[in-house]
Amino acid sequence: MSGLGILGVVTTSMVGLGLAESVLHRRRLKSIPTRIHISGTRGKSSVTRLLAAAMRHAGIATAAKTTGTLPRLILPDGREVPVFRPSGANIIEQTRIVAAAADMQAKALIVECMALRPELHWISENKLIRATHGVITNARADHLDVMGPTEVDVAKALAGMIPVNGVLFTAEQRHLDILRQAAQDRNTTCIAVSPKAIDAITENDLNGFSYKEHAENVALVLMILEHFNIPRQVAMEGMWQALPDPGALTEYEMDFFGRKIFFVNGFAANDPESTARIWNMMQEKYHDVDTTVAVFNMRADRPSRTVQLARETDFWHSADKVILIGSGAYLFSRMAAKTSCDDTKLIYADYNRVEEIFESILEQCSGRTLVVGMGNIGEQGLELNRYFKNRSIQRQHND
C-alpha cells in the first residue's frame, strides 16, 4: 500500500474513533440528569464547593470538579482526589470528569469552567458539558489580555458558556443585560440574585463557616438550591460542611516573640476590585495595628493583572511596606513607578525561598502587624499561606 493510502486509512480510523468517543461522551452526559456548569471572574470555586456540599447533604449523589487553587475531583461521599494533568491544564480533561461521574452513578455533576478565551467558553459548554443549569458568578476586569480589553468584553466572553434550553443563575449586576440577552438567544431562563437577597444573608449564616465566606456566594447558592426545592436550613447546614478551597480568604494569628502578626490570605482574589475590597475590609477590621504590610505575589504569565494592580489602583499605597514576590515582581515595580507611590516602601523578595520571604516579612513587623497577601495564589502564594497557617496559634473566624 502506498504512503498516501496508509495515511487515508489512519485518518479514517482516527475520525471513526473520534466519532465513537463523541457518542460515548454524549451517552455519559445523558446518564447524569443534573449538570451544572459554573463560570465567572470571582467565586467560582467557592460556589462549586458550597453547591456540591449542600446537594450531598440533601441526599443527592453529587460529584464536583473545581479548578480553583488546586484542581480537585470531589466524590459523592465528599472525599477529594487530585486531577492528574500529564500535559498541563486543558479543557478536554472535562471529558474525563464526566466519565468518572458517570461511573460513580452521580445524579448531579457540578463543574467549574476552565476556559478563558471566548471561543473556549462556547466549546466547553456546547461540546463538553452541555449543562442543564449554568452559573455565572460575576464579571470583573480580569484576564483582559485574553477576554478584554474591557469589563464589558469579559461579560460577553463569559456569556459564551450559557447553556441552550436551560437555566442560568447569576449574581452579576452591572452587566446583567448582556447575560439576559445571551440567555434569551439560547432559550434559557435567566435568574439573578437581587441585592435584597444578598442583604438577607445574616451574620449567623456567615458565622457557620470555618473560613471567610462572602454573602454574595451564599445568596447565589441558596437561590440555586431553592430551584431544586431544597429547604434553606438544609442548604445552610450542607454549605457549612463544605471544605474551603486552599486559596479561600483566611486569616491567621501568630505570636512571634512578642510581636503579634495577623496574616490574611487574599492571594486568590482574581481582579483588582475584589483585591481592593479585601484590603479595605481588613484595614477596617484591624484598624488598631501598628504596622501594615502588603505582600504582592505577581506572575510573569499574568501581566495584565500586574499592570492593573500596580498602575490602576492605589489602595495599597497606604501600606507601611510593600513586599514583592513572584516572577512578575519587576513588572509591578516598573508600573508602580509611574504612579505617586513612595518607592522606598518597596521590598524585593521575588527570587527568595518561602522561609526567606517569611523573614523579610518579620523584619517589617513591629508590635501588632497586619500582613495581607494579594495578587496570585500560584507559585509562592500558596506556599507562603501554608507557611503562616502551619505556624499560627489560632485560626481567625468571622467577627
Protein backbone atom coordinates (compact mmCIF):
# COMPACT_ATOMS: atom_id res chain seq x y z
CA MET A 1 0.00 0.00 0.00
CA SER A 2 1.30 3.46 -0.87
CA GLY A 3 2.13 6.04 1.76
CA LEU A 4 -0.91 8.07 0.71
CA GLY A 5 -3.14 5.04 1.10
CA ILE A 6 -1.80 4.34 4.58
CA LEU A 7 -2.42 7.97 5.54
CA GLY A 8 -6.00 7.66 4.31
CA VAL A 9 -6.63 4.53 6.36
CA VAL A 10 -5.12 6.09 9.50
CA THR A 11 -7.12 9.31 9.04
CA THR A 12 -10.37 7.35 8.54
CA SER A 13 -9.66 5.29 11.66
CA MET A 14 -8.94 8.39 13.75
CA VAL A 15 -12.15 10.07 12.60
CA GLY A 16 -14.07 6.89 13.40
CA LEU A 17 -12.57 6.69 16.87
CA GLY A 18 -13.36 10.37 17.44
CA LEU A 19 -17.00 9.87 16.48
CA ALA A 20 -17.25 6.79 18.69
CA GLU A 21 -15.80 8.70 21.64
CA SER A 22 -18.21 11.56 20.99
CA VAL A 23 -21.19 9.21 21.03
CA LEU A 24 -19.93 7.61 24.26
CA HIS A 25 -19.42 11.04 25.85
CA ARG A 26 -22.98 12.09 24.97
CA ARG A 27 -24.28 8.85 26.47
CA ARG A 28 -22.38 9.53 29.70
CA LEU A 29 -23.78 13.07 29.85
CA LYS A 30 -27.34 11.78 29.49
CA SER A 31 -26.77 9.39 32.40
CA ILE A 32 -26.25 12.41 34.70
CA PRO A 33 -29.63 14.20 34.85
CA THR A 34 -28.38 17.41 36.50
CA ARG A 35 -25.27 19.09 35.08
CA ILE A 36 -24.26 22.47 36.47
CA HIS A 37 -21.54 24.48 34.70
CA ILE A 38 -20.05 27.35 36.73
CA SER A 39 -18.06 30.30 35.41
CA GLY A 40 -17.34 33.90 36.39
CA THR A 41 -14.46 36.09 37.47
CA ARG A 42 -14.65 35.65 41.22
CA GLY A 43 -16.08 32.94 43.46
CA LYS A 44 -16.33 30.01 41.01
CA SER A 45 -14.50 27.56 43.26
CA SER A 46 -16.38 28.63 46.39
CA VAL A 47 -19.77 28.35 44.70
CA THR A 48 -18.84 24.93 43.27
CA ARG A 49 -17.84 23.63 46.70
CA LEU A 50 -20.82 25.16 48.52
CA LEU A 51 -23.31 23.84 45.99
CA ALA A 52 -21.83 20.34 45.96
CA ALA A 53 -21.76 20.11 49.77
CA ALA A 54 -25.36 21.29 50.10
CA MET A 55 -26.66 18.90 47.44
CA ARG A 56 -24.81 15.99 49.07
CA HIS A 57 -26.34 16.96 52.41
CA ALA A 58 -29.77 16.98 50.78
CA GLY A 59 -29.25 13.37 49.70
CA ILE A 60 -28.37 13.91 46.03
CA ALA A 61 -25.44 11.83 44.76
CA THR A 62 -23.24 14.68 43.59
CA ALA A 63 -19.79 14.78 42.01
CA ALA A 64 -17.96 18.07 41.51
CA LYS A 65 -14.80 19.30 39.89
CA THR A 66 -13.07 22.51 40.91
CA THR A 67 -10.03 24.05 39.29
CA GLY A 68 -9.52 26.74 41.92
CA THR A 69 -6.09 26.84 43.55
CA LEU A 70 -5.55 23.11 43.05
CA PRO A 71 -7.66 21.01 40.62
CA ARG A 72 -9.78 18.54 42.57
CA LEU A 73 -12.48 15.99 41.87
CA ILE A 74 -14.95 15.90 44.77
CA LEU A 75 -16.58 12.48 45.09
CA PRO A 76 -20.23 11.87 46.09
CA ASP A 77 -19.06 10.94 49.61
CA GLY A 78 -17.20 14.26 49.97
CA ARG A 79 -13.69 12.91 49.55
CA GLU A 80 -11.36 14.83 47.26
CA VAL A 81 -8.82 13.44 44.81
CA PRO A 82 -6.37 15.42 42.66
CA VAL A 83 -6.97 15.84 38.94
CA PHE A 84 -3.99 14.40 37.08
CA ARG A 85 -2.67 16.70 34.35
CA PRO A 86 0.19 14.99 32.47
CA SER A 87 0.36 17.75 29.85
CA GLY A 88 -0.90 20.74 31.83
CA ALA A 89 -4.39 22.24 32.03
CA ASN A 90 -6.63 21.61 29.02
CA ILE A 91 -10.40 21.86 28.74
CA ILE A 92 -10.55 18.38 27.22
CA GLU A 93 -9.99 17.00 30.74
CA GLN A 94 -13.66 17.72 31.38
CA THR A 95 -14.48 14.58 29.39
CA ARG A 96 -12.56 12.52 31.96
CA ILE A 97 -14.54 14.20 34.75
CA VAL A 98 -17.83 13.37 33.04
CA ALA A 99 -16.68 9.75 32.60
CA ALA A 100 -15.73 9.50 36.27
CA ALA A 101 -19.05 10.97 37.42
CA ALA A 102 -20.97 8.58 35.17
CA ASP A 103 -19.00 5.61 36.53
CA MET A 104 -19.89 6.73 40.07
CA GLN A 105 -23.56 6.90 39.02
CA ALA A 106 -23.77 10.53 40.13
CA LYS A 107 -27.17 12.14 39.77
CA ALA A 108 -25.64 15.61 39.68
CA LEU A 109 -22.34 16.91 38.33
CA ILE A 110 -21.04 20.38 39.17
CA VAL A 111 -18.13 21.54 37.04
CA GLU A 112 -16.07 24.72 37.31
CA CYS A 113 -15.39 26.14 33.85
CA MET A 114 -11.71 26.13 32.87
CA ALA A 115 -11.95 28.36 29.81
CA LEU A 116 -10.52 31.85 29.41
CA ARG A 117 -10.68 32.51 25.67
CA PRO A 118 -14.23 33.39 24.48
CA GLU A 119 -14.37 30.57 21.92
CA LEU A 120 -13.31 28.03 24.55
CA HIS A 121 -16.22 29.05 26.77
CA TRP A 122 -18.57 28.00 23.97
CA ILE A 123 -16.71 24.76 23.28
CA SER A 124 -16.62 23.88 26.99
CA GLU A 125 -20.36 24.20 27.25
CA ASN A 126 -21.65 23.12 23.85
CA LYS A 127 -19.31 20.17 23.32
CA LEU A 128 -18.11 19.04 26.72
CA ILE A 129 -20.65 19.76 29.50
CA ARG A 130 -23.99 20.54 27.80
CA ALA A 131 -25.29 21.80 31.13
CA THR A 132 -28.86 21.71 32.30
CA HIS A 133 -28.01 24.70 34.52
CA GLY A 134 -25.39 27.40 34.10
CA VAL A 135 -23.95 29.71 36.75
CA ILE A 136 -22.03 32.95 36.16
CA THR A 137 -20.94 34.35 39.49
CA ASN A 138 -19.91 37.81 38.24
CA ALA A 139 -17.98 39.63 35.51
CA ARG A 140 -14.99 41.71 36.61
CA ALA A 141 -11.96 43.23 34.91
CA ASP A 142 -9.58 40.27 34.89
CA HIS A 143 -7.65 38.38 32.20
CA LEU A 144 -8.17 41.41 29.97
CA ASP A 145 -5.34 40.29 27.69
CA VAL A 146 -7.48 37.27 26.73
CA MET A 147 -11.08 38.26 27.50
CA GLY A 148 -10.81 42.06 27.26
CA PRO A 149 -9.98 44.75 26.59
CA THR A 150 -12.88 45.97 28.77
CA GLU A 151 -15.07 44.56 31.52
CA VAL A 152 -17.97 44.51 29.05
CA ASP A 153 -15.92 42.18 26.84
CA VAL A 154 -15.35 39.92 29.86
CA ALA A 155 -19.12 39.67 30.38
CA LYS A 156 -19.62 38.81 26.71
CA ALA A 157 -16.90 36.15 26.86
CA LEU A 158 -18.45 34.55 29.95
CA ALA A 159 -21.85 34.55 28.22
CA GLY A 160 -20.40 32.04 25.77
CA MET A 161 -20.92 29.23 28.31
CA ILE A 162 -24.64 29.88 28.87
CA PRO A 163 -26.47 26.60 28.13
CA VAL A 164 -29.13 26.12 25.45
CA ASN A 165 -32.69 25.44 26.65
CA GLY A 166 -31.61 25.54 30.29
CA VAL A 167 -31.49 27.83 33.31
CA LEU A 168 -28.83 30.43 34.11
CA PHE A 169 -28.21 31.70 37.64
CA THR A 170 -26.06 34.76 38.28
CA ALA A 171 -25.08 37.26 40.95
CA GLU A 172 -23.83 39.74 38.32
CA GLN A 173 -25.49 43.16 38.45
CA ARG A 174 -23.52 45.61 36.31
CA HIS A 175 -23.67 43.57 33.10
CA LEU A 176 -26.85 41.65 33.73
CA ASP A 177 -28.37 42.95 30.49
CA ILE A 178 -25.65 41.19 28.46
CA LEU A 179 -26.24 37.88 30.22
CA ARG A 180 -30.01 38.16 29.90
CA GLN A 181 -29.78 38.84 26.16
CA ALA A 182 -27.47 35.89 25.60
CA ALA A 183 -29.75 33.64 27.67
CA GLN A 184 -32.77 34.77 25.69
CA ASP A 185 -30.97 33.97 22.43
CA ARG A 186 -30.43 30.42 23.71
CA ASN A 187 -33.98 29.95 25.03
CA THR A 188 -32.59 29.82 28.57
CA THR A 189 -34.23 31.28 31.65
CA CYS A 190 -32.02 33.83 33.45
CA ILE A 191 -32.47 34.13 37.23
CA ALA A 192 -30.44 36.82 39.01
CA VAL A 193 -29.72 37.26 42.70
CA SER A 194 -31.10 40.56 43.92
CA PRO A 195 -29.20 42.94 46.23
CA LYS A 196 -32.04 42.36 48.72
CA ALA A 197 -31.31 38.61 48.75
CA ILE A 198 -27.63 39.28 49.43
CA ASP A 199 -28.50 41.67 52.25
CA ALA A 200 -30.73 38.94 53.72
CA ILE A 201 -27.69 36.77 54.47
CA THR A 202 -27.19 37.17 58.21
CA GLU A 203 -24.11 37.20 60.42
CA ASN A 204 -25.31 33.90 61.87
CA ASP A 205 -25.35 32.44 58.37
CA LEU A 206 -21.74 33.53 57.76
CA ASN A 207 -20.52 32.59 61.22
CA GLY A 208 -21.33 28.95 60.46
CA PHE A 209 -18.32 28.76 58.14
CA SER A 210 -14.83 27.91 59.38
CA TYR A 211 -13.40 30.45 56.94
CA LYS A 212 -14.39 33.81 55.47
CA GLU A 213 -17.25 33.26 53.03
CA HIS A 214 -18.92 36.02 51.02
CA ALA A 215 -22.61 36.77 51.39
CA GLU A 216 -22.92 37.07 47.60
CA ASN A 217 -21.78 33.46 47.12
CA VAL A 218 -24.12 32.17 49.82
CA ALA A 219 -27.10 34.05 48.37
CA LEU A 220 -26.35 32.71 44.89
CA VAL A 221 -26.13 29.10 46.09
CA LEU A 222 -29.32 29.45 48.13
CA MET A 223 -31.15 30.69 45.02
CA ILE A 224 -29.91 27.69 43.02
CA LEU A 225 -30.89 25.23 45.76
CA GLU A 226 -34.33 26.79 46.06
CA HIS A 227 -34.78 25.93 42.37
CA PHE A 228 -34.14 22.28 43.36
CA ASN A 229 -36.66 22.55 46.23
CA ILE A 230 -34.01 22.14 48.92
CA PRO A 231 -35.09 23.89 52.16
CA ARG A 232 -32.99 26.82 53.33
CA GLN A 233 -31.93 25.24 56.62
CA VAL A 234 -30.84 22.03 54.89
CA ALA A 235 -28.94 24.14 52.37
CA MET A 236 -27.14 26.15 55.04
CA GLU A 237 -26.23 23.04 57.05
CA GLY A 238 -24.75 21.50 53.93
CA MET A 239 -22.80 24.62 52.99
CA TRP A 240 -21.30 24.88 56.49
CA GLN A 241 -19.81 21.41 55.93
CA ALA A 242 -18.02 22.45 52.73
CA LEU A 243 -14.24 22.36 52.74
CA PRO A 244 -12.78 25.67 51.59
CA ASP A 245 -10.59 25.97 48.52
CA PRO A 246 -6.90 26.26 49.54
CA GLY A 247 -6.99 29.79 48.18
CA ALA A 248 -10.08 30.86 50.13
CA LEU A 249 -9.88 34.07 52.13
CA THR A 250 -8.49 33.05 55.52
CA GLU A 251 -6.90 34.80 58.49
CA TYR A 252 -4.19 33.51 60.79
CA GLU A 253 -2.76 34.90 64.01
CA MET A 254 0.85 34.48 65.09
CA ASP A 255 2.68 35.50 68.25
CA PHE A 256 6.36 35.76 67.34
CA PHE A 257 8.50 36.70 70.34
CA GLY A 258 6.13 39.42 71.48
CA ARG A 259 5.17 40.57 68.02
CA LYS A 260 1.52 39.92 67.16
CA ILE A 261 1.05 39.23 63.45
CA PHE A 262 -2.28 38.90 61.65
CA PHE A 263 -1.86 37.28 58.24
CA VAL A 264 -4.66 37.45 55.65
CA ASN A 265 -4.62 35.17 52.63
CA GLY A 266 -6.16 37.28 49.87
CA PHE A 267 -3.92 35.84 47.14
CA ALA A 268 -6.74 34.20 45.21
CA ALA A 269 -8.75 37.37 44.55
CA ASN A 270 -8.80 37.40 40.77
CA ASP A 271 -9.26 41.06 39.98
CA PRO A 272 -8.27 44.50 41.32
CA GLU A 273 -11.79 45.31 42.51
CA SER A 274 -12.03 42.21 44.70
CA THR A 275 -8.47 42.69 45.92
CA ALA A 276 -9.13 46.30 46.94
CA ARG A 277 -12.29 45.20 48.72
CA ILE A 278 -10.33 42.65 50.77
CA TRP A 279 -7.63 45.20 51.62
CA ASN A 280 -10.15 47.83 52.75
CA MET A 281 -12.15 45.28 54.74
CA MET A 282 -9.05 44.14 56.62
CA GLN A 283 -7.87 47.70 57.18
CA GLU A 284 -11.18 48.36 58.89
CA LYS A 285 -11.16 45.13 60.87
CA TYR A 286 -7.57 45.55 62.10
CA HIS A 287 -7.66 49.32 62.46
CA ASP A 288 -5.67 49.28 65.69
CA VAL A 289 -2.47 47.63 64.39
CA ASP A 290 0.88 49.43 64.50
CA THR A 291 2.09 48.37 61.05
CA THR A 292 0.53 47.23 57.78
CA VAL A 293 2.42 45.16 55.21
CA ALA A 294 1.15 44.39 51.70
CA VAL A 295 2.62 41.28 50.06
CA PHE A 296 2.11 41.10 46.29
CA ASN A 297 2.79 37.78 44.58
CA MET A 298 2.93 38.53 40.85
CA ARG A 299 3.27 36.06 37.98
CA ALA A 300 5.09 36.80 34.74
CA ASP A 301 2.35 34.97 32.79
CA ARG A 302 -0.34 37.27 34.22
CA PRO A 303 0.98 40.68 33.04
CA SER A 304 -2.42 42.35 32.65
CA ARG A 305 -3.30 41.69 36.29
CA THR A 306 0.09 43.00 37.40
CA VAL A 307 -0.37 46.23 35.42
CA GLN A 308 -3.89 46.71 36.78
CA LEU A 309 -2.86 46.28 40.41
CA ALA A 310 0.31 48.35 40.18
CA ARG A 311 -0.76 51.25 38.00
CA GLU A 312 -4.56 51.40 38.04
CA THR A 313 -5.15 51.03 41.79
CA ASP A 314 -3.78 52.95 44.75
CA PHE A 315 -5.38 51.26 47.76
CA TRP A 316 -2.06 49.63 48.64
CA HIS A 317 -0.28 52.99 48.85
CA SER A 318 -1.47 53.22 52.45
CA ALA A 319 0.67 50.21 53.48
CA ASP A 320 3.77 50.91 55.56
CA LYS A 321 5.74 48.40 53.48
CA VAL A 322 5.10 46.55 50.22
CA ILE A 323 6.91 43.23 49.69
CA LEU A 324 7.09 41.98 46.08
CA ILE A 325 7.46 38.27 45.36
CA GLY A 326 6.94 36.07 42.33
CA SER A 327 8.18 36.14 38.75
CA GLY A 328 6.22 39.32 37.93
CA ALA A 329 7.68 41.47 40.73
CA TYR A 330 9.86 43.52 38.38
CA LEU A 331 6.91 44.45 36.15
CA PHE A 332 4.94 45.52 39.21
CA SER A 333 7.73 47.83 40.34
CA ARG A 334 8.04 49.34 36.84
CA MET A 335 4.32 50.06 36.68
CA ALA A 336 4.23 51.34 40.27
CA ALA A 337 6.99 53.81 39.39
CA LYS A 338 4.53 55.51 37.01
CA THR A 339 2.25 56.34 39.96
CA SER A 340 2.52 58.53 43.03
CA CYS A 341 3.56 55.66 45.30
CA ASP A 342 6.53 56.01 47.64
CA ASP A 343 9.01 53.58 46.09
CA THR A 344 11.06 53.48 49.30
CA LYS A 345 8.28 51.24 50.66
CA LEU A 346 9.01 48.53 48.08
CA ILE A 347 10.97 45.48 49.23
CA TYR A 348 12.05 42.85 46.70
CA ALA A 349 11.94 39.17 47.62
CA ASP A 350 10.97 37.81 44.22
CA TYR A 351 13.54 35.02 43.97
CA ASN A 352 13.70 34.13 47.65
CA ARG A 353 12.66 30.84 49.19
CA VAL A 354 9.48 30.92 51.26
CA GLU A 355 11.38 30.91 54.56
CA GLU A 356 13.40 33.89 53.36
CA ILE A 357 10.22 35.71 52.36
CA PHE A 358 8.87 34.97 55.82
CA GLU A 359 12.00 36.51 57.35
CA SER A 360 11.60 39.58 55.12
CA ILE A 361 8.06 40.00 56.41
CA LEU A 362 9.15 39.57 60.03
CA GLU A 363 11.73 42.33 59.60
CA GLN A 364 8.91 44.78 58.86
CA CYS A 365 6.73 43.74 61.81
CA SER A 366 6.58 45.78 64.98
CA GLY A 367 4.07 45.48 67.80
CA ARG A 368 0.80 44.46 66.19
CA THR A 369 1.14 43.99 62.43
CA LEU A 370 -1.36 43.26 59.66
CA VAL A 371 0.06 41.35 56.67
CA VAL A 372 -2.18 40.94 53.61
CA GLY A 373 -1.18 38.62 50.74
CA MET A 374 -2.54 39.63 47.32
CA GLY A 375 -2.02 39.19 43.60
CA ASN A 376 -1.86 35.48 42.77
CA ILE A 377 -2.17 32.24 44.72
CA GLY A 378 0.11 30.38 42.28
CA GLU A 379 3.86 29.94 42.63
CA GLN A 380 4.90 31.35 46.02
CA GLY A 381 1.45 32.48 47.16
CA LEU A 382 0.08 29.11 48.24
CA GLU A 383 3.41 28.15 49.77
CA LEU A 384 3.57 31.33 51.86
CA ASN A 385 -0.03 30.87 53.01
CA ARG A 386 0.81 27.34 54.20
CA TYR A 387 3.87 28.69 55.97
CA PHE A 388 1.76 31.07 58.05
CA LYS A 389 -1.02 28.54 58.59
CA ASN A 390 1.38 25.95 59.99
CA ARG A 391 2.82 28.48 62.42
CA SER A 392 -0.38 30.17 63.51
CA ILE A 393 -1.59 29.93 67.09
CA GLN A 394 -5.25 30.43 66.28
CA ARG A 395 -7.38 30.38 63.21
CA GLN A 396 -9.49 33.51 62.98
CA HIS A 397 -13.24 33.15 62.49
CA ASN A 398 -15.60 35.83 61.31
CA ASP A 399 -16.40 38.50 63.84
